[in-house]
Amino acid sequence: MSAADVAFAASEASIDAIFGDAGFLRGTEPVTVVLTRGVEIAGDYGSVARVVDTASFRLGVSARRGDALSVGTHQWILDQPLPDDTGRAEFILRAVAP
């Protein structure tokens, strides 16, 4: 494992430890997820097309569009994948009505 790989793994673990929440993917798979609320999605000419909540998962988590995610009493569906240069899977969330 190269020094860069070790540094990246350490930084990813720090992100999860500081910002991560414990949750369940597909109802049974325990995961640590970083939830970000109020993300602005840019539209034409830099205007804000919409404001969404997102979830990102560390490398190795097999999250897919349509999967259910629950954190505490909150539930979402992983709606649309977002491009991410770090390799973390990131999705726009769609809330599930209680």
N, C-alpha and C. Protein backbone atom coordinates (compact mmCIF):
# COMPACT_ATOMS: atom_id res chain seq x y z
N MET A 1 0.85 -1.17 0.00
CA MET A 1 0.00 0.00 0.00
C MET A 1 0.90 1.24 0.00
N SER A 2 0.63 2.16 -0.92
CA SER A 2 1.47 3.35 -1.03
C SER A 2 1.15 4.35 0.09
N ALA A 3 2.03 5.31 0.24
CA ALA A 3 1.83 6.36 1.24
C ALA A 3 0.55 7.15 0.95
N ALA A 4 0.26 7.36 -0.34
CA ALA A 4 -0.95 8.10 -0.71
C ALA A 4 -2.20 7.30 -0.33
N ASP A 5 -2.16 5.97 -0.53
CA ASP A 5 -3.29 5.13 -0.15
C ASP A 5 -3.53 5.18 1.36
N VAL A 6 -2.46 5.13 2.11
CA VAL A 6 -2.57 5.18 3.57
C VAL A 6 -3.14 6.53 4.01
N ALA A 7 -2.67 7.61 3.39
CA ALA A 7 -3.16 8.95 3.75
C ALA A 7 -4.64 9.09 3.39
N PHE A 8 -5.04 8.58 2.23
CA PHE A 8 -6.44 8.68 1.82
C PHE A 8 -7.33 7.86 2.76
N ALA A 9 -6.91 6.66 3.12
CA ALA A 9 -7.70 5.83 4.03
C ALA A 9 -7.85 6.52 5.40
N ALA A 10 -6.80 7.15 5.87
CA ALA A 10 -6.85 7.86 7.15
C ALA A 10 -7.79 9.05 7.07
N SER A 11 -7.75 9.79 5.95
CA SER A 11 -8.63 10.95 5.84
C SER A 11 -10.09 10.52 5.72
N GLU A 12 -10.35 9.41 5.01
CA GLU A 12 -11.72 8.92 4.90
C GLU A 12 -12.25 8.47 6.25
N ALA A 13 -11.41 7.80 7.04
CA ALA A 13 -11.82 7.38 8.37
C ALA A 13 -12.11 8.59 9.26
N SER A 14 -11.33 9.66 9.10
CA SER A 14 -11.56 10.89 9.87
C SER A 14 -12.89 11.54 9.49
N ILE A 15 -13.20 11.57 8.19
CA ILE A 15 -14.47 12.15 7.73
C ILE A 15 -15.63 11.40 8.36
N ASP A 16 -15.58 10.07 8.32
CA ASP A 16 -16.65 9.26 8.90
C ASP A 16 -16.75 9.45 10.41
N ALA A 17 -15.60 9.53 11.08
CA ALA A 17 -15.61 9.66 12.54
C ALA A 17 -16.17 11.02 12.98
N ILE A 18 -15.87 12.07 12.22
CA ILE A 18 -16.30 13.41 12.61
C ILE A 18 -17.73 13.70 12.15
N PHE A 19 -18.04 13.36 10.89
CA PHE A 19 -19.33 13.76 10.31
C PHE A 19 -20.32 12.61 10.13
N GLY A 20 -19.88 11.38 10.33
CA GLY A 20 -20.71 10.23 10.03
C GLY A 20 -21.78 9.93 11.06
N ASP A 21 -22.87 9.35 10.58
CA ASP A 21 -23.96 8.88 11.43
C ASP A 21 -24.14 7.38 11.19
N ALA A 22 -24.49 6.66 12.25
CA ALA A 22 -24.77 5.24 12.10
C ALA A 22 -26.16 5.07 11.51
N GLY A 23 -26.27 4.17 10.56
CA GLY A 23 -27.57 3.91 9.94
C GLY A 23 -27.63 2.52 9.37
N PHE A 24 -28.71 2.26 8.65
CA PHE A 24 -28.91 0.95 8.01
C PHE A 24 -29.25 1.15 6.55
N LEU A 25 -28.58 0.39 5.70
CA LEU A 25 -28.83 0.39 4.27
C LEU A 25 -29.64 -0.86 3.95
N ARG A 26 -30.71 -0.70 3.20
CA ARG A 26 -31.61 -1.81 2.84
C ARG A 26 -32.21 -2.48 4.09
N GLY A 27 -32.29 -1.74 5.19
CA GLY A 27 -32.95 -2.23 6.39
C GLY A 27 -32.12 -3.10 7.31
N THR A 28 -31.05 -3.73 6.80
CA THR A 28 -30.30 -4.65 7.64
C THR A 28 -28.79 -4.44 7.64
N GLU A 29 -28.26 -3.74 6.67
CA GLU A 29 -26.80 -3.59 6.56
C GLU A 29 -26.35 -2.34 7.31
N PRO A 30 -25.61 -2.51 8.42
CA PRO A 30 -25.15 -1.33 9.17
C PRO A 30 -24.11 -0.56 8.37
N VAL A 31 -24.26 0.77 8.32
CA VAL A 31 -23.33 1.63 7.59
C VAL A 31 -23.08 2.90 8.39
N THR A 32 -21.97 3.52 8.06
CA THR A 32 -21.72 4.89 8.52
C THR A 32 -21.92 5.77 7.30
N VAL A 33 -22.76 6.77 7.44
CA VAL A 33 -23.13 7.63 6.32
C VAL A 33 -22.94 9.09 6.71
N VAL A 34 -22.45 9.89 5.76
CA VAL A 34 -22.32 11.32 5.98
C VAL A 34 -23.50 12.00 5.29
N LEU A 35 -24.39 12.59 6.08
CA LEU A 35 -25.56 13.29 5.56
C LEU A 35 -25.24 14.77 5.43
N THR A 36 -25.61 15.35 4.30
CA THR A 36 -25.42 16.77 4.07
C THR A 36 -26.76 17.37 3.66
N ARG A 37 -27.20 18.35 4.40
CA ARG A 37 -28.52 18.95 4.14
C ARG A 37 -28.36 20.31 3.46
N GLY A 38 -29.30 20.63 2.58
CA GLY A 38 -29.30 21.94 1.93
C GLY A 38 -28.26 22.11 0.85
N VAL A 39 -27.96 21.05 0.10
CA VAL A 39 -26.98 21.13 -0.99
C VAL A 39 -27.65 21.79 -2.19
N GLU A 40 -27.04 22.83 -2.72
CA GLU A 40 -27.60 23.53 -3.88
C GLU A 40 -27.10 22.88 -5.16
N ILE A 41 -28.03 22.46 -6.01
CA ILE A 41 -27.70 21.88 -7.31
C ILE A 41 -27.80 23.01 -8.33
N ALA A 42 -26.70 23.25 -9.04
CA ALA A 42 -26.65 24.36 -9.99
C ALA A 42 -27.42 24.02 -11.26
N GLY A 43 -28.11 25.02 -11.77
CA GLY A 43 -28.85 24.89 -13.02
C GLY A 43 -28.19 25.73 -14.10
N ASP A 44 -28.98 26.19 -15.03
CA ASP A 44 -28.47 27.01 -16.13
C ASP A 44 -27.93 28.34 -15.62
N TYR A 45 -26.79 28.74 -16.18
CA TYR A 45 -26.19 30.03 -15.90
C TYR A 45 -25.90 30.25 -14.42
N GLY A 46 -25.64 29.16 -13.70
CA GLY A 46 -25.27 29.26 -12.30
C GLY A 46 -26.41 29.46 -11.33
N SER A 47 -27.62 29.43 -11.82
CA SER A 47 -28.77 29.57 -10.92
C SER A 47 -28.96 28.28 -10.12
N VAL A 48 -29.60 28.39 -8.99
CA VAL A 48 -29.86 27.22 -8.16
C VAL A 48 -31.12 26.53 -8.69
N ALA A 49 -30.94 25.30 -9.20
CA ALA A 49 -32.07 24.56 -9.76
C ALA A 49 -32.92 23.94 -8.67
N ARG A 50 -32.26 23.45 -7.62
CA ARG A 50 -32.98 22.89 -6.48
C ARG A 50 -32.04 22.71 -5.31
N VAL A 51 -32.61 22.53 -4.15
CA VAL A 51 -31.85 22.31 -2.92
C VAL A 51 -32.23 20.91 -2.42
N VAL A 52 -31.21 20.09 -2.17
CA VAL A 52 -31.43 18.68 -1.83
C VAL A 52 -30.63 18.29 -0.60
N ASP A 53 -30.92 17.13 -0.07
CA ASP A 53 -30.11 16.50 0.97
C ASP A 53 -29.37 15.34 0.32
N THR A 54 -28.14 15.09 0.74
CA THR A 54 -27.36 14.00 0.16
C THR A 54 -26.80 13.08 1.24
N ALA A 55 -26.43 11.89 0.79
CA ALA A 55 -25.76 10.91 1.66
C ALA A 55 -24.54 10.40 0.93
N SER A 56 -23.42 10.30 1.63
CA SER A 56 -22.23 9.70 1.01
C SER A 56 -21.73 8.55 1.88
N PHE A 57 -21.22 7.54 1.19
CA PHE A 57 -20.78 6.30 1.83
C PHE A 57 -19.32 6.07 1.51
N ARG A 58 -18.61 5.46 2.43
CA ARG A 58 -17.19 5.18 2.22
C ARG A 58 -17.00 4.12 1.17
N LEU A 59 -15.78 4.03 0.68
CA LEU A 59 -15.43 3.02 -0.32
C LEU A 59 -15.79 1.63 0.19
N GLY A 60 -16.30 0.81 -0.69
CA GLY A 60 -16.62 -0.56 -0.32
C GLY A 60 -18.07 -0.79 0.05
N VAL A 61 -18.83 0.29 0.30
CA VAL A 61 -20.25 0.14 0.60
C VAL A 61 -20.99 0.02 -0.72
N SER A 62 -21.82 -1.00 -0.84
CA SER A 62 -22.50 -1.28 -2.12
C SER A 62 -23.86 -0.61 -2.18
N ALA A 63 -23.87 0.71 -2.05
CA ALA A 63 -25.13 1.46 -2.14
C ALA A 63 -25.52 1.61 -3.60
N ARG A 64 -26.82 1.47 -3.87
CA ARG A 64 -27.34 1.59 -5.24
C ARG A 64 -28.59 2.45 -5.24
N ARG A 65 -28.87 3.05 -6.39
CA ARG A 65 -30.09 3.83 -6.55
C ARG A 65 -31.30 2.97 -6.21
N GLY A 66 -32.21 3.53 -5.42
CA GLY A 66 -33.42 2.81 -5.01
C GLY A 66 -33.29 2.11 -3.66
N ASP A 67 -32.08 2.04 -3.10
CA ASP A 67 -31.90 1.42 -1.79
C ASP A 67 -32.52 2.29 -0.70
N ALA A 68 -33.01 1.65 0.35
CA ALA A 68 -33.55 2.35 1.51
C ALA A 68 -32.41 2.65 2.48
N LEU A 69 -32.45 3.84 3.08
CA LEU A 69 -31.49 4.26 4.09
C LEU A 69 -32.26 4.77 5.29
N SER A 70 -31.88 4.31 6.48
CA SER A 70 -32.49 4.84 7.70
C SER A 70 -31.39 5.23 8.68
N VAL A 71 -31.59 6.40 9.29
CA VAL A 71 -30.69 6.90 10.32
C VAL A 71 -31.60 7.39 11.44
N GLY A 72 -31.53 6.72 12.57
CA GLY A 72 -32.44 7.05 13.67
C GLY A 72 -33.88 6.83 13.23
N THR A 73 -34.70 7.85 13.37
CA THR A 73 -36.11 7.74 12.97
C THR A 73 -36.36 8.25 11.56
N HIS A 74 -35.32 8.70 10.87
CA HIS A 74 -35.46 9.25 9.52
C HIS A 74 -35.23 8.16 8.47
N GLN A 75 -36.02 8.21 7.40
CA GLN A 75 -35.89 7.22 6.33
C GLN A 75 -35.87 7.93 4.98
N TRP A 76 -35.02 7.43 4.09
CA TRP A 76 -34.90 7.97 2.74
C TRP A 76 -34.74 6.83 1.74
N ILE A 77 -34.90 7.21 0.48
CA ILE A 77 -34.54 6.35 -0.65
C ILE A 77 -33.37 7.02 -1.35
N LEU A 78 -32.35 6.24 -1.71
CA LEU A 78 -31.24 6.78 -2.49
C LEU A 78 -31.77 7.03 -3.89
N ASP A 79 -31.87 8.30 -4.26
CA ASP A 79 -32.57 8.65 -5.49
C ASP A 79 -31.65 8.75 -6.69
N GLN A 80 -30.77 9.71 -6.70
CA GLN A 80 -29.94 9.95 -7.87
C GLN A 80 -28.47 9.98 -7.47
N PRO A 81 -27.62 9.18 -8.11
CA PRO A 81 -26.19 9.24 -7.78
C PRO A 81 -25.58 10.55 -8.27
N LEU A 82 -24.62 11.04 -7.52
CA LEU A 82 -23.90 12.26 -7.89
C LEU A 82 -22.46 11.91 -8.23
N PRO A 83 -21.87 12.65 -9.15
CA PRO A 83 -20.45 12.40 -9.45
C PRO A 83 -19.59 12.78 -8.25
N ASP A 84 -18.58 11.96 -7.98
CA ASP A 84 -17.70 12.21 -6.84
C ASP A 84 -16.30 11.73 -7.20
N ASP A 85 -15.33 12.63 -7.19
CA ASP A 85 -13.96 12.30 -7.58
C ASP A 85 -13.22 11.48 -6.53
N THR A 86 -13.76 11.39 -5.32
CA THR A 86 -13.04 10.70 -4.24
C THR A 86 -13.29 9.20 -4.23
N GLY A 87 -14.29 8.74 -4.98
CA GLY A 87 -14.62 7.33 -4.96
C GLY A 87 -15.72 6.99 -3.97
N ARG A 88 -16.09 7.95 -3.13
CA ARG A 88 -17.21 7.72 -2.20
C ARG A 88 -18.50 7.74 -3.01
N ALA A 89 -19.42 6.85 -2.70
CA ALA A 89 -20.73 6.85 -3.35
C ALA A 89 -21.57 7.94 -2.71
N GLU A 90 -22.09 8.87 -3.53
CA GLU A 90 -22.92 9.96 -3.01
C GLU A 90 -24.23 10.00 -3.79
N PHE A 91 -25.33 10.17 -3.06
CA PHE A 91 -26.67 10.12 -3.64
C PHE A 91 -27.51 11.28 -3.14
N ILE A 92 -28.40 11.78 -4.01
CA ILE A 92 -29.47 12.67 -3.58
C ILE A 92 -30.49 11.80 -2.86
N LEU A 93 -31.03 12.31 -1.76
CA LEU A 93 -31.98 11.55 -0.96
C LEU A 93 -33.41 11.98 -1.26
N ARG A 94 -34.31 11.02 -1.26
CA ARG A 94 -35.75 11.29 -1.36
C ARG A 94 -36.38 10.80 -0.05
N ALA A 95 -37.03 11.70 0.67
CA ALA A 95 -37.60 11.35 1.98
C ALA A 95 -38.76 10.38 1.81
N VAL A 96 -38.88 9.47 2.77
CA VAL A 96 -39.99 8.53 2.82
C VAL A 96 -40.99 9.06 3.84
N ALA A 97 -42.25 9.15 3.45
CA ALA A 97 -43.28 9.65 4.37
C ALA A 97 -43.43 8.68 5.54
N PRO A 98 -43.57 9.24 6.76
CA PRO A 98 -43.68 8.38 7.94
C PRO A 98 -44.98 7.59 7.97
